[in-house]
Amino acid sequence: MFCGEQALGNPCGVVFLDEWLDSSKLLNITRSLSQPVTSFIVENALGYSIRWFSNTAEINLCGHGSLGAAAAILEKTGEERVLLQSQYGDIEITQQDSFYQMELPAWTPEFIHHGIDYQELNIDPIEVYATRDLVLVLESEQAVRDFIPNHAWFEKFADYHALIVTAQSDSYEYVLRYFAPRIGIPEDLATGSAQCSLAPFWFSKFSAHNLKVRQLSSAGGVFEVSFKDESTIRLSAQAMKRKA
């Protein structure tokens, strides 16, 4: 998911179920598939219910897992639109050729001006803010590439789901890296839900309502993010399907 030019994206497993199993069984299935994330789907009268699991825990929102699930469902149904329902909100995904577009929530940044020591990270962020995640805005794309995560440092901040570092880029509007050791993902390869935290901030920096984004992981991920309204972003990306 989120693959493209010189970007391998992020793999995920997709499992169709007749009914929901215990969370422990879903976690065991996830571990057996050995993917970064597995999406579980149950069809219902209104569409499809979805849950996402890493190899250690259930996840409260997963963009690439949603994209993978939608690709599998739309291939099965032959339709161009699907509604995924989760306890964290509904996600509508549409398909046009190999591209998929999903609507995700836009999370308002809460800026942090003091109280965090960055010496252990050897960085000096330009800005720092919080959403579901803790976001550090760095001075350059190279600073994002060079960033060395310190998971012990991040464990001090139990309120945050993940740590994101981001910066403006010459080739893209912004770049990022995403670290979620708390759910068993030391560094994610390509993260759709990260744009919920990042896009509102970067929209405030650019006059454009369409932003090109690259995730600087080992595999790489590419996205296009567009502004719908104050509470919603649209995320467009490619997906490649492979049957087990």
C-alpha atoms as a PDB file:
ATOM      1  CA  MET A   1       0.000   0.000   0.000  1.00  0.00           C
ATOM      2  CA  PHE A   2       1.107   3.616  -0.702  1.00  0.00           C
ATOM      3  CA  CYS A   3       3.546   2.375  -3.350  1.00  0.00           C
ATOM      4  CA  GLY A   4       4.740   4.325  -6.367  1.00  0.00           C
ATOM      5  CA  GLU A   5       7.860   5.597  -8.087  1.00  0.00           C
ATOM      6  CA  GLN A   6      10.856   4.308  -6.096  1.00  0.00           C
ATOM      7  CA  ALA A   7       8.543   3.476  -3.197  1.00  0.00           C
ATOM      8  CA  LEU A   8       7.657  -0.065  -2.180  1.00  0.00           C
ATOM      9  CA  GLY A   9       4.981   1.019   0.287  1.00  0.00           C
ATOM     10  CA  ASN A  10       3.736  -0.981   3.252  1.00  0.00           C
ATOM     11  CA  PRO A  11       2.325  -4.532   3.082  1.00  0.00           C
ATOM     12  CA  CYS A  12      -0.694  -5.688   5.044  1.00  0.00           C
ATOM     13  CA  GLY A  13      -2.730  -8.840   5.446  1.00  0.00           C
ATOM     14  CA  VAL A  14      -6.494  -8.902   4.827  1.00  0.00           C
ATOM     15  CA  VAL A  15      -8.713 -11.588   6.365  1.00  0.00           C
ATOM     16  CA  PHE A  16     -12.448 -11.974   5.654  1.00  0.00           C
ATOM     17  CA  LEU A  17     -14.462 -13.394   8.568  1.00  0.00           C
ATOM     18  CA  ASP A  18     -18.063 -14.591   8.828  1.00  0.00           C
ATOM     19  CA  GLU A  19     -18.269 -13.186  12.360  1.00  0.00           C
ATOM     20  CA  TRP A  20     -15.979 -11.589  14.894  1.00  0.00           C
ATOM     21  CA  LEU A  21     -13.587 -13.780  16.851  1.00  0.00           C
ATOM     22  CA  ASP A  22     -12.035 -13.059  20.230  1.00  0.00           C
ATOM     23  CA  SER A  23      -9.295 -10.438  20.113  1.00  0.00           C
ATOM     24  CA  SER A  24      -6.742 -13.025  21.251  1.00  0.00           C
ATOM     25  CA  LYS A  25      -7.573 -15.190  18.222  1.00  0.00           C
ATOM     26  CA  LEU A  26      -7.306 -12.219  15.878  1.00  0.00           C
ATOM     27  CA  LEU A  27      -3.906 -11.386  17.341  1.00  0.00           C
ATOM     28  CA  ASN A  28      -2.738 -14.985  16.861  1.00  0.00           C
ATOM     29  CA  ILE A  29      -3.843 -14.907  13.213  1.00  0.00           C
ATOM     30  CA  THR A  30      -2.003 -11.620  12.738  1.00  0.00           C
ATOM     31  CA  ARG A  31       1.208 -13.092  14.114  1.00  0.00           C
ATOM     32  CA  SER A  32       0.888 -16.139  11.866  1.00  0.00           C
ATOM     33  CA  LEU A  33       0.663 -13.911   8.769  1.00  0.00           C
ATOM     34  CA  SER A  34       3.833 -11.990   9.754  1.00  0.00           C
ATOM     35  CA  GLN A  35       2.734  -8.702   8.183  1.00  0.00           C
ATOM     36  CA  PRO A  36       3.195  -5.286   9.803  1.00  0.00           C
ATOM     37  CA  VAL A  37      -0.603  -4.988  10.075  1.00  0.00           C
ATOM     38  CA  THR A  38      -3.537  -7.292   9.373  1.00  0.00           C
ATOM     39  CA  SER A  39      -7.043  -6.010   8.621  1.00  0.00           C
ATOM     40  CA  PHE A  40     -10.023  -8.153   9.618  1.00  0.00           C
ATOM     41  CA  ILE A  41     -13.334  -7.639   7.825  1.00  0.00           C
ATOM     42  CA  VAL A  42     -16.884  -8.767   8.562  1.00  0.00           C
ATOM     43  CA  GLU A  43     -19.651  -7.952   6.066  1.00  0.00           C
ATOM     44  CA  ASN A  44     -22.855  -6.451   7.460  1.00  0.00           C
ATOM     45  CA  ALA A  45     -26.057  -4.868   6.164  1.00  0.00           C
ATOM     46  CA  LEU A  46     -24.473  -1.430   5.732  1.00  0.00           C
ATOM     47  CA  GLY A  47     -21.089  -2.444   4.365  1.00  0.00           C
ATOM     48  CA  TYR A  48     -18.093  -3.894   6.165  1.00  0.00           C
ATOM     49  CA  SER A  49     -16.853  -3.684   9.733  1.00  0.00           C
ATOM     50  CA  ILE A  50     -13.076  -3.522  10.114  1.00  0.00           C
ATOM     51  CA  ARG A  51     -10.484  -3.960  12.845  1.00  0.00           C
ATOM     52  CA  TRP A  52      -6.696  -3.617  12.557  1.00  0.00           C
ATOM     53  CA  PHE A  53      -3.975  -5.478  14.445  1.00  0.00           C
ATOM     54  CA  SER A  54      -0.212  -5.170  14.612  1.00  0.00           C
ATOM     55  CA  ASN A  55       1.762  -8.160  15.849  1.00  0.00           C
ATOM     56  CA  THR A  56       1.397  -6.964  19.442  1.00  0.00           C
ATOM     57  CA  ALA A  57      -1.887  -5.046  19.753  1.00  0.00           C
ATOM     58  CA  GLU A  58      -5.082  -3.753  18.180  1.00  0.00           C
ATOM     59  CA  ILE A  59      -4.684  -0.383  16.423  1.00  0.00           C
ATOM     60  CA  ASN A  60      -7.196   2.444  16.719  1.00  0.00           C
ATOM     61  CA  LEU A  61      -6.832   3.646  13.103  1.00  0.00           C
ATOM     62  CA  CYS A  62      -4.706   2.286  10.267  1.00  0.00           C
ATOM     63  CA  GLY A  63      -4.627   3.984   6.874  1.00  0.00           C
ATOM     64  CA  HIS A  64      -2.655   1.398   4.939  1.00  0.00           C
ATOM     65  CA  GLY A  65      -4.674  -1.404   6.528  1.00  0.00           C
ATOM     66  CA  SER A  66      -7.867   0.339   5.387  1.00  0.00           C
ATOM     67  CA  LEU A  67      -6.501   0.764   1.878  1.00  0.00           C
ATOM     68  CA  GLY A  68      -5.531  -2.905   1.721  1.00  0.00           C
ATOM     69  CA  ALA A  69      -8.950  -3.993   2.957  1.00  0.00           C
ATOM     70  CA  ALA A  70     -10.714  -1.773   0.422  1.00  0.00           C
ATOM     71  CA  ALA A  71      -8.581  -3.099  -2.427  1.00  0.00           C
ATOM     72  CA  ALA A  72      -9.500  -6.674  -1.488  1.00  0.00           C
ATOM     73  CA  ILE A  73     -13.211  -5.891  -1.082  1.00  0.00           C
ATOM     74  CA  LEU A  74     -13.516  -3.930  -4.335  1.00  0.00           C
ATOM     75  CA  GLU A  75     -11.710  -6.643  -6.265  1.00  0.00           C
ATOM     76  CA  LYS A  76     -14.194  -9.145  -4.822  1.00  0.00           C
ATOM     77  CA  THR A  77     -17.337  -7.073  -5.463  1.00  0.00           C
ATOM     78  CA  GLY A  78     -16.359  -5.347  -8.711  1.00  0.00           C
ATOM     79  CA  GLU A  79     -17.620  -2.040  -7.319  1.00  0.00           C
ATOM     80  CA  GLU A  80     -15.776   1.282  -7.053  1.00  0.00           C
ATOM     81  CA  ARG A  81     -16.740   2.349  -3.547  1.00  0.00           C
ATOM     82  CA  VAL A  82     -16.796   0.778  -0.095  1.00  0.00           C
ATOM     83  CA  LEU A  83     -17.661   1.998   3.388  1.00  0.00           C
ATOM     84  CA  LEU A  84     -15.543   0.596   6.209  1.00  0.00           C
ATOM     85  CA  GLN A  85     -17.039   0.901   9.678  1.00  0.00           C
ATOM     86  CA  SER A  86     -14.916   0.912  12.812  1.00  0.00           C
ATOM     87  CA  GLN A  87     -15.448   1.876  16.424  1.00  0.00           C
ATOM     88  CA  TYR A  88     -13.246   4.897  15.682  1.00  0.00           C
ATOM     89  CA  GLY A  89     -15.358   6.156  12.762  1.00  0.00           C
ATOM     90  CA  ASP A  90     -16.348   5.273   9.211  1.00  0.00           C
ATOM     91  CA  ILE A  91     -13.917   5.379   6.286  1.00  0.00           C
ATOM     92  CA  GLU A  92     -15.174   5.750   2.720  1.00  0.00           C
ATOM     93  CA  ILE A  93     -12.795   4.538   0.007  1.00  0.00           C
ATOM     94  CA  THR A  94     -13.221   4.826  -3.758  1.00  0.00           C
ATOM     95  CA  GLN A  95     -11.160   3.301  -6.572  1.00  0.00           C
ATOM     96  CA  GLN A  96     -10.110   4.604  -9.974  1.00  0.00           C
ATOM     97  CA  ASP A  97      -7.804   2.186 -11.807  1.00  0.00           C
ATOM     98  CA  SER A  98      -4.909   1.417  -9.429  1.00  0.00           C
ATOM     99  CA  PHE A  99      -5.500   4.540  -7.325  1.00  0.00           C
ATOM    100  CA  TYR A 100      -7.600   4.654  -4.189  1.00  0.00           C
ATOM    101  CA  GLN A 101      -8.937   7.654  -2.327  1.00  0.00           C
ATOM    102  CA  MET A 102     -10.015   7.587   1.290  1.00  0.00           C
ATOM    103  CA  GLU A 103     -11.429  10.176   3.639  1.00  0.00           C
ATOM    104  CA  LEU A 104      -9.767  10.418   7.038  1.00  0.00           C
ATOM    105  CA  PRO A 105     -10.190  12.728  10.036  1.00  0.00           C
ATOM    106  CA  ALA A 106      -8.107  15.895  10.268  1.00  0.00           C
ATOM    107  CA  TRP A 107      -6.646  16.227  13.766  1.00  0.00           C
ATOM    108  CA  THR A 108      -6.094  19.745  15.076  1.00  0.00           C
ATOM    109  CA  PRO A 109      -2.526  20.381  16.310  1.00  0.00           C
ATOM    110  CA  GLU A 110      -2.041  21.394  19.936  1.00  0.00           C
ATOM    111  CA  PHE A 111       1.306  23.173  20.052  1.00  0.00           C
ATOM    112  CA  ILE A 112       3.789  22.420  22.820  1.00  0.00           C
ATOM    113  CA  HIS A 113       6.148  25.257  23.766  1.00  0.00           C
ATOM    114  CA  HIS A 114       7.914  23.905  26.849  1.00  0.00           C
ATOM    115  CA  GLY A 115       8.315  20.900  29.120  1.00  0.00           C
ATOM    116  CA  ILE A 116      10.059  18.456  26.753  1.00  0.00           C
ATOM    117  CA  ASP A 117      13.824  17.857  26.716  1.00  0.00           C
ATOM    118  CA  TYR A 118      15.192  16.894  23.278  1.00  0.00           C
ATOM    119  CA  GLN A 119      18.861  16.545  24.232  1.00  0.00           C
ATOM    120  CA  GLU A 120      18.679  12.746  24.175  1.00  0.00           C
ATOM    121  CA  LEU A 121      17.486  12.934  20.556  1.00  0.00           C
ATOM    122  CA  ASN A 122      20.279  15.287  19.446  1.00  0.00           C
ATOM    123  CA  ILE A 123      17.806  17.500  17.603  1.00  0.00           C
ATOM    124  CA  ASP A 124      16.349  20.982  17.958  1.00  0.00           C
ATOM    125  CA  PRO A 125      12.802  20.946  16.530  1.00  0.00           C
ATOM    126  CA  ILE A 126      11.428  24.076  14.876  1.00  0.00           C
ATOM    127  CA  GLU A 127       7.955  23.320  16.214  1.00  0.00           C
ATOM    128  CA  VAL A 128       6.390  20.609  18.360  1.00  0.00           C
ATOM    129  CA  TYR A 129       2.736  19.696  18.596  1.00  0.00           C
ATOM    130  CA  ALA A 130       0.428  16.909  19.688  1.00  0.00           C
ATOM    131  CA  THR A 131      -2.566  15.102  18.212  1.00  0.00           C
ATOM    132  CA  ARG A 132      -3.011  11.390  18.786  1.00  0.00           C
ATOM    133  CA  ASP A 133       0.727  11.476  18.041  1.00  0.00           C
ATOM    134  CA  LEU A 134       3.694  13.573  19.156  1.00  0.00           C
ATOM    135  CA  VAL A 135       5.010  15.498  16.131  1.00  0.00           C
ATOM    136  CA  LEU A 136       8.472  17.074  15.840  1.00  0.00           C
ATOM    137  CA  VAL A 137       8.936  19.502  12.935  1.00  0.00           C
ATOM    138  CA  LEU A 138      12.594  19.546  11.867  1.00  0.00           C
ATOM    139  CA  GLU A 139      14.587  22.060   9.845  1.00  0.00           C
ATOM    140  CA  SER A 140      15.151  19.984   6.687  1.00  0.00           C
ATOM    141  CA  GLU A 141      14.470  16.770   4.820  1.00  0.00           C
ATOM    142  CA  GLN A 142      18.038  15.690   5.585  1.00  0.00           C
ATOM    143  CA  ALA A 143      17.384  16.099   9.301  1.00  0.00           C
ATOM    144  CA  VAL A 144      14.420  13.733   8.965  1.00  0.00           C
ATOM    145  CA  ARG A 145      16.567  11.226   7.068  1.00  0.00           C
ATOM    146  CA  ASP A 146      19.328  11.435   9.680  1.00  0.00           C
ATOM    147  CA  PHE A 147      17.039  11.207  12.705  1.00  0.00           C
ATOM    148  CA  ILE A 148      17.963   8.358  15.066  1.00  0.00           C
ATOM    149  CA  PRO A 149      14.978   7.265  17.164  1.00  0.00           C
ATOM    150  CA  ASN A 150      15.338   6.775  20.890  1.00  0.00           C
ATOM    151  CA  HIS A 151      12.455   4.532  21.909  1.00  0.00           C
ATOM    152  CA  ALA A 152      13.395   4.742  25.591  1.00  0.00           C
ATOM    153  CA  TRP A 153      12.953   8.524  25.370  1.00  0.00           C
ATOM    154  CA  PHE A 154       9.533   8.152  23.738  1.00  0.00           C
ATOM    155  CA  GLU A 155       8.347   5.724  26.425  1.00  0.00           C
ATOM    156  CA  LYS A 156       8.222   8.713  28.785  1.00  0.00           C
ATOM    157  CA  PHE A 157       5.244  10.026  26.805  1.00  0.00           C
ATOM    158  CA  ALA A 158       2.596   7.382  27.373  1.00  0.00           C
ATOM    159  CA  ASP A 159      -0.254   9.608  26.164  1.00  0.00           C
ATOM    160  CA  TYR A 160       0.899   9.489  22.538  1.00  0.00           C
ATOM    161  CA  HIS A 161       0.281   6.729  20.030  1.00  0.00           C
ATOM    162  CA  ALA A 162       3.382   7.387  17.913  1.00  0.00           C
ATOM    163  CA  LEU A 163       6.289   9.751  17.319  1.00  0.00           C
ATOM    164  CA  ILE A 164       6.458  11.530  13.952  1.00  0.00           C
ATOM    165  CA  VAL A 165       9.312  13.621  12.563  1.00  0.00           C
ATOM    166  CA  THR A 166       8.543  15.797   9.548  1.00  0.00           C
ATOM    167  CA  ALA A 167       9.989  18.624   7.459  1.00  0.00           C
ATOM    168  CA  GLN A 168       9.337  20.632   4.325  1.00  0.00           C
ATOM    169  CA  SER A 169      10.898  19.153   1.179  1.00  0.00           C
ATOM    170  CA  ASP A 170      12.101  20.411  -2.204  1.00  0.00           C
ATOM    171  CA  SER A 171      10.647  17.450  -4.132  1.00  0.00           C
ATOM    172  CA  TYR A 172       7.470  17.069  -2.057  1.00  0.00           C
ATOM    173  CA  GLU A 173       5.506  19.446   0.126  1.00  0.00           C
ATOM    174  CA  TYR A 174       6.594  17.492   3.182  1.00  0.00           C
ATOM    175  CA  VAL A 175       8.353  14.304   4.238  1.00  0.00           C
ATOM    176  CA  LEU A 176       8.025  12.205   7.371  1.00  0.00           C
ATOM    177  CA  ARG A 177       9.105   9.213   9.397  1.00  0.00           C
ATOM    178  CA  TYR A 178       6.810   7.414  11.838  1.00  0.00           C
ATOM    179  CA  PHE A 179       7.698   5.420  14.957  1.00  0.00           C
ATOM    180  CA  ALA A 180       5.178   3.397  16.979  1.00  0.00           C
ATOM    181  CA  PRO A 181       7.136   1.056  19.287  1.00  0.00           C
ATOM    182  CA  ARG A 182       4.236   0.993  21.742  1.00  0.00           C
ATOM    183  CA  ILE A 183       2.230  -1.171  19.309  1.00  0.00           C
ATOM    184  CA  GLY A 184       5.200  -3.211  18.103  1.00  0.00           C
ATOM    185  CA  ILE A 185       6.186  -1.065  15.098  1.00  0.00           C
ATOM    186  CA  PRO A 186       9.674   0.428  15.681  1.00  0.00           C
ATOM    187  CA  GLU A 187       9.411   2.334  12.375  1.00  0.00           C
ATOM    188  CA  ASP A 188       6.463   2.074  10.032  1.00  0.00           C
ATOM    189  CA  LEU A 189       7.087   1.814   6.299  1.00  0.00           C
ATOM    190  CA  ALA A 190       4.167   3.913   5.011  1.00  0.00           C
ATOM    191  CA  THR A 191       1.506   5.361   7.302  1.00  0.00           C
ATOM    192  CA  GLY A 192      -1.823   6.723   6.111  1.00  0.00           C
ATOM    193  CA  SER A 193      -3.066   7.721   9.555  1.00  0.00           C
ATOM    194  CA  ALA A 194       0.047   9.876  10.071  1.00  0.00           C
ATOM    195  CA  GLN A 195      -1.448  12.310   7.563  1.00  0.00           C
ATOM    196  CA  CYS A 196      -4.327  12.934   9.994  1.00  0.00           C
ATOM    197  CA  SER A 197      -1.703  14.479  12.276  1.00  0.00           C
ATOM    198  CA  LEU A 198       0.437  16.124   9.599  1.00  0.00           C
ATOM    199  CA  ALA A 199      -1.818  17.405   6.819  1.00  0.00           C
ATOM    200  CA  PRO A 200      -3.675  20.076   8.859  1.00  0.00           C
ATOM    201  CA  PHE A 201      -0.331  21.525   9.997  1.00  0.00           C
ATOM    202  CA  TRP A 202       1.151  21.581   6.501  1.00  0.00           C
ATOM    203  CA  PHE A 203      -2.030  22.948   4.906  1.00  0.00           C
ATOM    204  CA  SER A 204      -1.550  25.956   7.189  1.00  0.00           C
ATOM    205  CA  LYS A 205       1.937  26.461   5.697  1.00  0.00           C
ATOM    206  CA  PHE A 206       0.999  26.197   2.005  1.00  0.00           C
ATOM    207  CA  SER A 207      -1.629  27.966  -0.087  1.00  0.00           C
ATOM    208  CA  ALA A 208      -2.293  24.770  -2.071  1.00  0.00           C
ATOM    209  CA  HIS A 209      -5.066  22.372  -1.100  1.00  0.00           C
ATOM    210  CA  ASN A 210      -3.242  19.376  -2.591  1.00  0.00           C
ATOM    211  CA  LEU A 211       0.030  18.200  -1.069  1.00  0.00           C
ATOM    212  CA  LYS A 212       2.486  15.578  -2.273  1.00  0.00           C
ATOM    213  CA  VAL A 213       4.053  13.586   0.542  1.00  0.00           C
ATOM    214  CA  ARG A 214       6.857  11.065   0.909  1.00  0.00           C
ATOM    215  CA  GLN A 215       7.623   8.803   3.848  1.00  0.00           C
ATOM    216  CA  LEU A 216      11.378   8.297   4.231  1.00  0.00           C
ATOM    217  CA  SER A 217      11.349   4.735   5.550  1.00  0.00           C
ATOM    218  CA  SER A 218      13.535   1.939   4.213  1.00  0.00           C
ATOM    219  CA  ALA A 219      10.796   0.967   1.730  1.00  0.00           C
ATOM    220  CA  GLY A 220       9.399   4.430   1.113  1.00  0.00           C
ATOM    221  CA  GLY A 221       5.806   5.528   0.732  1.00  0.00           C
ATOM    222  CA  VAL A 222       4.130   8.178  -1.423  1.00  0.00           C
ATOM    223  CA  PHE A 223       0.797   9.931  -0.902  1.00  0.00           C
ATOM    224  CA  GLU A 224      -1.297  12.800  -2.163  1.00  0.00           C
ATOM    225  CA  VAL A 225      -3.309  14.607   0.481  1.00  0.00           C
ATOM    226  CA  SER A 226      -6.103  17.035  -0.324  1.00  0.00           C
ATOM    227  CA  PHE A 227      -8.208  19.328   1.829  1.00  0.00           C
ATOM    228  CA  LYS A 228     -11.938  18.548   2.039  1.00  0.00           C
ATOM    229  CA  ASP A 229     -12.975  20.604   5.064  1.00  0.00           C
ATOM    230  CA  GLU A 230     -11.744  21.527   8.536  1.00  0.00           C
ATOM    231  CA  SER A 231     -12.449  18.049   9.883  1.00  0.00           C
ATOM    232  CA  THR A 232     -11.629  15.831   6.881  1.00  0.00           C
ATOM    233  CA  ILE A 233      -8.719  15.128   4.549  1.00  0.00           C
ATOM    234  CA  ARG A 234      -8.640  13.013   1.398  1.00  0.00           C
ATOM    235  CA  LEU A 235      -5.728  10.634   0.950  1.00  0.00           C
ATOM    236  CA  SER A 236      -4.914   9.242  -2.517  1.00  0.00           C
ATOM    237  CA  ALA A 237      -2.443   6.428  -3.154  1.00  0.00           C
ATOM    238  CA  GLN A 238      -1.720   3.286  -5.129  1.00  0.00           C
ATOM    239  CA  ALA A 239      -2.082  -0.309  -4.000  1.00  0.00           C
ATOM    240  CA  MET A 240      -0.753  -3.567  -5.406  1.00  0.00           C
ATOM    241  CA  LYS A 241      -2.690  -6.748  -4.626  1.00  0.00           C
ATOM    242  CA  ARG A 242      -1.244 -10.192  -4.016  1.00  0.00           C
ATOM    243  CA  LYS A 243      -3.234 -13.275  -3.066  1.00  0.00           C
ATOM    244  CA  ALA A 244      -1.862 -15.655  -0.445  1.00  0.00           C
END
